[in-house]
Each structure stands twice: as structure tokens, then as C-alpha cells.
């Protein structure tokens, strides 16, 4: 074989090998496009000014109760406003329901004279408490500017009174007909002038051994309430007791039974002692 023929065969073999060998592809990363140089940073938009809250309504500041937080007082008040007795809205808090029950048993009143009947439930409840203590000869007299007319109970009499009109207040003959001791309950308008005026009126016929319950002095501790009552029952109580320091005494045992004035009748359980 000539040298030329040998070289030709080597060349063909190389060509054939190149035709059948798989081509190896080397992957290369695609270069990222160049980032544009950063431009100037725009300042953030200023936040809007805060909206000013509306000022609270004008009125005297709410007192701070010595033991009960304001939110607890308001929660109890909501329950009190929804509580019903024998199907009727009653408006007495649980502390005072218990305190009245014990008071009736201790005092054994011949008459419960209630100012402020509302739906009539509290007078019914007082009558039931009297019966529970065996005081079946005692009576409840409940007076309101709108007397209750749809309740029939042999121990309860509903009648009319207008706290702004002394001509409608109990007469001497009415008072003389009441069994004693008298439990005088003021749960009417809670206006300072009404409460004080009726206290001064009642002083003329209350006797030693009678008892007063002036309700809802707690409004001093309830936001939104004090400005509507001009100082309310608590102001009236303090002025009245200052006028008669020897004749009346706050019943601290009942006012503080659950803690200092843990009652809706703040300093409102009062004994006639002279």
C-alpha cells in the first residue's frame, strides 16, 4: 500500500468518527443586562395630621369609686337596667336586692313608702320580701307621677305624686295612716332639688326607728350621668345630714357590707336615731 493510500484511509476514518460522535454542548450563563445607575430617591409623602377627637360634653367630672373600676360599674349598670322581676323591668342592682332583703328582716317595717314606681316591679318585690319575712300585715305604698294601674296585689297600693308640686305630696292624714316603722325609699327623679326637698318634707313626720333608703347616689361614678342631676342624691344626702347631724346616721354596716359603698345607694342607707 502506497503511503498516499494509507493517509487517505486515515483521513476518511477520522471523518467517519467525527460524524457519529455526539456533540458536547457546553452551557454558558446568559449574562444579566447591566443595571441602570440608581436615580435620586423621592422623599416619602408626609402623613396627614391626626384627626382631633371631639371634646367630651361639659359637666362635672366623674368621681372615682374607692373599690369599683368605672368599667365594672357600667357593666353592672347595664345588667341592672335589663333585670326583670316577675316579667317587669325593676332597676335595682344585685347588691341592693340583697341589702334590702336583710334590712326588711331587721327593721320589720310596717310600711314601705316608695317614691318612684316605674313599672311596679320593685313594689311587688318589696311585698314578696315582706311576705317571706312573715310580715303579712305590712303594706307597700308606691307613688309616681304616672301611677301603675295594671297590678293587683293586696299588699301594694300605687298612687300619684309630682315631685315638682308639693300640693301632691303625702298629706298628714295619709302619713297618720301608715304603720310604723316606716322604710322611706326615694327611687324617683334623682334630681338634687327633688331629693333634698322631699327629705326636708319627710323629716317633719319621720320618727326615731324609721329608716331612709336614698337610691342611686352612684350616678356620681358613671360617665354621662352627673351633669343631668345637678349633684343628684349624694349631694342632697350630704346637705340634709349636715342640717340634722344628731338625728340621722348613715348605716355604715349596710353601705359597706360588700366593701366601702359597694352599693348603688352610696351613703344612702340612713337611720333616724332621734
Protein backbone atom coordinates (compact mmCIF):
# COMPACT_ATOMS: atom_id res chain seq x y z
CA UNK A 1 0.00 0.00 0.00
CA UNK A 2 1.40 3.25 -1.02
CA UNK A 3 1.90 5.94 1.59
CA UNK A 4 -0.67 8.13 -0.18
CA UNK A 5 -3.34 5.42 0.07
CA UNK A 6 -2.61 4.94 3.78
CA UNK A 7 -3.01 8.65 4.54
CA UNK A 8 -6.29 8.75 2.56
CA UNK A 9 -7.77 5.90 4.65
CA UNK A 10 -6.77 7.65 7.92
CA UNK A 11 -8.45 10.83 6.74
CA UNK A 12 -11.76 9.00 5.87
CA UNK A 13 -11.76 7.16 9.23
CA UNK A 14 -11.38 10.45 11.05
CA UNK A 15 -14.22 11.95 9.04
CA UNK A 16 -16.47 8.96 9.85
CA UNK A 17 -15.70 9.12 13.59
CA UNK A 18 -16.48 12.81 13.66
CA UNK A 19 -19.89 12.19 12.02
CA UNK A 20 -21.13 9.66 14.67
CA UNK A 21 -19.61 11.23 17.90
CA UNK A 22 -22.27 13.13 19.95
CA UNK A 23 -21.64 16.78 20.12
CA UNK A 24 -20.98 18.02 23.63
CA UNK A 25 -22.71 21.32 24.24
CA UNK A 26 -21.29 23.43 27.00
CA UNK A 27 -23.97 25.58 28.63
CA UNK A 28 -22.98 29.07 29.43
CA UNK A 29 -24.83 31.51 31.68
CA UNK A 30 -26.62 34.29 29.94
CA UNK A 31 -25.10 37.49 31.14
CA UNK A 32 -27.54 39.72 33.06
CA UNK A 33 -28.21 43.06 31.50
CA UNK A 34 -26.41 45.85 33.16
CA UNK A 35 -28.49 47.71 35.76
CA UNK A 36 -29.12 51.33 35.24
CA UNK A 37 -27.44 53.52 37.81
CA UNK A 38 -29.83 54.43 40.63
CA UNK A 39 -31.57 57.77 40.33
CA UNK A 40 -32.38 60.20 43.14
CA UNK A 41 -34.75 58.84 45.86
CA UNK A 42 -38.02 60.74 46.12
CA UNK A 43 -38.96 61.76 49.68
CA UNK A 44 -41.96 59.96 51.26
CA UNK A 45 -45.24 61.85 51.30
CA UNK A 46 -45.90 63.43 54.70
CA UNK A 47 -48.52 61.66 56.89
CA UNK A 48 -51.79 63.54 57.35
CA UNK A 49 -52.20 65.23 60.72
CA UNK A 50 -54.22 63.27 63.33
CA UNK A 51 -57.92 63.96 63.48
CA UNK A 52 -58.77 65.82 66.65
CA UNK A 53 -61.27 63.98 68.88
CA UNK A 54 -64.46 65.73 69.89
CA UNK A 55 -64.34 67.25 73.34
CA UNK A 56 -66.41 65.41 75.96
CA UNK A 57 -69.69 67.03 76.90
CA UNK A 58 -69.46 69.70 79.54
CA UNK A 59 -70.31 68.65 83.05
CA UNK A 60 -68.84 67.81 86.42
CA UNK A 61 -66.03 65.25 86.47
CA UNK A 62 -66.87 61.65 87.23
CA UNK A 63 -65.82 60.62 90.71
CA UNK A 64 -63.61 57.56 91.20
CA UNK A 65 -65.21 54.84 93.29
CA UNK A 66 -62.98 53.61 96.15
CA UNK A 67 -63.26 49.98 95.05
CA UNK A 68 -65.14 49.51 91.77
CA UNK A 69 -63.48 50.41 88.45
CA UNK A 70 -65.63 52.55 86.19
CA UNK A 71 -65.94 49.84 83.54
CA UNK A 72 -67.21 47.40 86.19
CA UNK A 73 -69.77 49.96 87.40
CA UNK A 74 -71.05 50.47 83.86
CA UNK A 75 -71.23 46.71 83.21
CA UNK A 76 -73.27 46.19 86.38
CA UNK A 77 -75.48 49.13 85.42
CA UNK A 78 -76.23 47.54 82.04
CA UNK A 79 -77.32 44.36 83.76
CA UNK A 80 -79.36 46.32 86.30
CA UNK A 81 -81.26 48.10 83.53
CA UNK A 82 -82.14 44.77 81.89
CA UNK A 83 -83.05 42.85 85.04
CA UNK A 84 -86.72 41.88 85.38
CA UNK A 85 -88.79 40.66 88.29
CA UNK A 86 -92.00 38.81 87.56
CA UNK A 87 -91.69 39.94 83.97
CA UNK A 88 -91.25 43.64 84.72
CA UNK A 89 -88.19 45.86 84.45
CA UNK A 90 -87.06 46.55 88.01
CA UNK A 91 -83.98 48.84 88.04
CA UNK A 92 -82.33 47.59 91.23
CA UNK A 93 -78.77 46.31 91.33
CA UNK A 94 -77.93 42.90 92.85
CA UNK A 95 -76.06 44.40 95.81
CA UNK A 96 -79.12 46.34 96.91
CA UNK A 97 -81.55 43.47 96.38
CA UNK A 98 -79.54 41.56 98.98
CA UNK A 99 -79.17 44.55 101.32
CA UNK A 100 -82.90 45.35 101.20
CA UNK A 101 -83.79 41.73 101.93
CA UNK A 102 -81.71 41.78 105.10
CA UNK A 103 -82.91 45.29 106.02
CA UNK A 104 -86.58 44.26 105.85
CA UNK A 105 -85.84 41.32 108.13
CA UNK A 106 -84.03 43.52 110.66
CA UNK A 107 -86.30 46.59 110.55
CA UNK A 108 -89.59 44.72 110.10
CA UNK A 109 -91.27 47.80 108.63
CA UNK A 110 -94.98 48.34 108.98
CA UNK A 111 -94.90 50.42 105.77
CA UNK A 112 -92.56 50.70 102.83
CA UNK A 113 -93.18 54.11 101.28
CA UNK A 114 -91.63 54.15 97.82
CA UNK A 115 -91.21 57.24 95.66
CA UNK A 116 -90.81 56.15 92.04
CA UNK A 117 -92.88 53.15 90.95
CA UNK A 118 -91.72 52.88 87.32
CA UNK A 119 -93.25 49.60 86.06
CA UNK A 120 -94.34 48.50 89.53
CA UNK A 121 -91.85 45.64 89.85
CA UNK A 122 -89.95 46.97 92.87
CA UNK A 123 -93.16 47.41 94.90
CA UNK A 124 -94.16 43.85 94.02
CA UNK A 125 -90.73 42.65 95.06
CA UNK A 126 -90.91 44.55 98.38
CA UNK A 127 -94.30 42.93 99.05
CA UNK A 128 -92.88 39.48 98.35
CA UNK A 129 -89.94 40.16 100.69
CA UNK A 130 -92.37 41.28 103.41
CA UNK A 131 -94.32 38.04 102.95
CA UNK A 132 -91.12 36.00 103.05
CA UNK A 133 -90.39 37.51 106.48
CA UNK A 134 -93.90 36.79 107.70
CA UNK A 135 -94.85 40.49 107.70
CA UNK A 136 -98.26 39.93 106.16
CA UNK A 137 -99.82 42.95 107.89
CA UNK A 138 -97.25 45.34 106.46
CA UNK A 139 -98.01 47.36 103.35
CA UNK A 140 -96.22 48.93 100.39
CA UNK A 141 -97.28 52.40 99.23
CA UNK A 142 -95.70 53.30 95.90
CA UNK A 143 -96.09 56.80 94.41
CA UNK A 144 -95.21 58.04 90.94
CA UNK A 145 -96.16 60.82 88.53
CA UNK A 146 -97.62 58.01 86.38
CA UNK A 147 -99.23 55.60 88.85
CA UNK A 148 -99.15 51.89 87.98
CA UNK A 149 -102.64 50.67 87.14
CA UNK A 150 -102.17 47.11 85.88
CA UNK A 151 -101.03 45.33 89.07
CA UNK A 152 -103.37 43.90 91.70
CA UNK A 153 -101.65 42.84 94.93
CA UNK A 154 -103.35 43.05 98.33
CA UNK A 155 -100.20 44.40 99.99
CA UNK A 156 -99.43 47.10 97.40
CA UNK A 157 -101.15 50.42 96.70
CA UNK A 158 -99.98 52.66 93.87
CA UNK A 159 -100.67 56.38 93.94
CA UNK A 160 -99.79 59.73 92.39
CA UNK A 161 -97.10 62.26 93.28
CA UNK A 162 -95.45 65.06 91.34
CA UNK A 163 -92.10 65.83 92.92
CA UNK A 164 -92.18 69.35 91.49
CA UNK A 165 -95.57 70.09 93.03
CA UNK A 166 -95.70 69.96 96.86
CA UNK A 167 -99.51 70.04 96.67
CA UNK A 168 -99.37 66.40 95.53
CA UNK A 169 -97.08 65.21 98.32
CA UNK A 170 -98.46 62.93 101.07
CA UNK A 171 -100.93 64.64 103.37
CA UNK A 172 -100.89 64.49 107.15
CA UNK A 173 -103.87 62.14 107.05
CA UNK A 174 -102.00 59.85 104.65
CA UNK A 175 -98.94 59.79 106.91
CA UNK A 176 -101.03 59.18 110.05
CA UNK A 177 -102.48 56.09 108.44
CA UNK A 178 -99.07 54.43 107.86
CA UNK A 179 -97.92 51.60 110.07
CA UNK A 180 -94.51 52.13 111.64
CA UNK A 181 -91.65 51.76 111.44
CA UNK A 182 -91.57 53.34 108.01
CA UNK A 183 -88.99 52.42 105.40
CA UNK A 184 -88.84 55.51 103.18
CA UNK A 185 -87.38 54.70 99.73
CA UNK A 186 -86.62 57.51 97.29
CA UNK A 187 -86.09 55.99 93.85
CA UNK A 188 -87.74 58.76 91.87
CA UNK A 189 -86.16 61.50 89.73
CA UNK A 190 -82.72 61.57 91.46
CA UNK A 191 -82.63 65.32 90.88
CA UNK A 192 -80.78 67.11 93.68
CA UNK A 193 -83.55 69.61 94.41
CA UNK A 194 -86.28 66.95 94.39
CA UNK A 195 -84.39 64.60 96.69
CA UNK A 196 -83.47 67.35 99.15
CA UNK A 197 -86.95 68.87 99.11
CA UNK A 198 -88.61 65.53 99.87
CA UNK A 199 -86.07 64.74 102.59
CA UNK A 200 -86.85 68.03 104.32
CA UNK A 201 -90.55 67.29 103.96
CA UNK A 202 -90.19 63.74 105.32
CA UNK A 203 -88.15 64.99 108.28
CA UNK A 204 -91.34 66.53 109.67
CA UNK A 205 -93.06 63.16 110.12
CA UNK A 206 -90.28 60.57 110.33
CA UNK A 207 -89.64 59.29 113.87
CA UNK A 208 -86.79 57.56 115.67
CA UNK A 209 -86.75 53.97 114.46
CA UNK A 210 -87.80 54.86 110.91
CA UNK A 211 -85.36 54.34 108.10
CA UNK A 212 -84.42 56.04 104.80
CA UNK A 213 -83.03 54.50 101.63
CA UNK A 214 -81.99 57.17 99.12
CA UNK A 215 -81.21 55.41 95.89
CA UNK A 216 -78.70 55.87 93.09
CA UNK A 217 -76.06 58.15 94.56
CA UNK A 218 -73.80 56.04 92.35
CA UNK A 219 -74.54 58.32 89.39
CA UNK A 220 -71.56 60.40 90.52
CA UNK A 221 -69.37 57.49 89.37
CA UNK A 222 -71.00 56.93 85.96
CA UNK A 223 -69.76 58.81 82.86
CA UNK A 224 -72.51 60.85 81.24
CA UNK A 225 -74.76 60.88 84.31
CA UNK A 226 -73.66 63.58 86.82
CA UNK A 227 -74.36 66.60 84.61
CA UNK A 228 -78.04 65.62 84.31
CA UNK A 229 -78.85 65.60 88.03
CA UNK A 230 -77.17 68.74 89.45
CA UNK A 231 -75.26 66.72 92.04
CA UNK A 232 -78.04 64.20 92.43
CA UNK A 233 -78.94 62.18 95.53
CA UNK A 234 -75.48 62.21 97.07
CA UNK A 235 -75.30 65.99 97.18
CA UNK A 236 -78.80 66.10 98.71
CA UNK A 237 -77.88 63.47 101.32
CA UNK A 238 -74.79 65.37 102.44
CA UNK A 239 -76.63 68.65 102.78
CA UNK A 240 -79.56 67.08 104.61
CA UNK A 241 -77.35 65.23 107.09
CA UNK A 242 -75.38 68.42 107.72
CA UNK A 243 -78.67 70.06 108.69
CA UNK A 244 -79.56 67.23 111.12
CA UNK A 245 -76.28 65.77 112.43
CA UNK A 246 -77.80 64.39 115.66
CA UNK A 247 -80.99 62.92 114.25
CA UNK A 248 -79.75 60.72 111.41
CA UNK A 249 -76.87 58.31 110.98
CA UNK A 250 -75.56 56.62 107.86
CA UNK A 251 -75.86 52.86 108.30
CA UNK A 252 -72.27 52.00 107.50
CA UNK A 253 -72.84 48.30 108.02
CA UNK A 254 -75.14 48.20 105.01
CA UNK A 255 -73.40 50.82 102.87
CA UNK A 256 -70.08 48.99 103.32
CA UNK A 257 -71.37 45.40 103.53
CA UNK A 258 -69.63 44.36 100.29
CA UNK A 259 -66.83 46.92 100.66
CA UNK A 260 -66.79 50.69 101.04
CA UNK A 261 -70.01 51.89 99.37
CA UNK A 262 -70.26 48.87 97.09
CA UNK A 263 -73.92 49.66 96.52
CA UNK A 264 -75.87 51.82 94.10
CA UNK A 265 -77.19 53.71 97.15
CA UNK A 266 -73.97 55.49 98.07
CA UNK A 267 -74.22 56.64 101.72
CA UNK A 268 -77.94 56.16 101.16
CA UNK A 269 -78.88 53.71 103.92
CA UNK A 270 -79.76 56.07 106.77
CA UNK A 271 -81.27 55.50 110.22
CA UNK A 272 -83.44 58.01 112.06
CA UNK A 273 -81.94 57.77 115.53
CA UNK A 274 -83.56 60.73 117.36
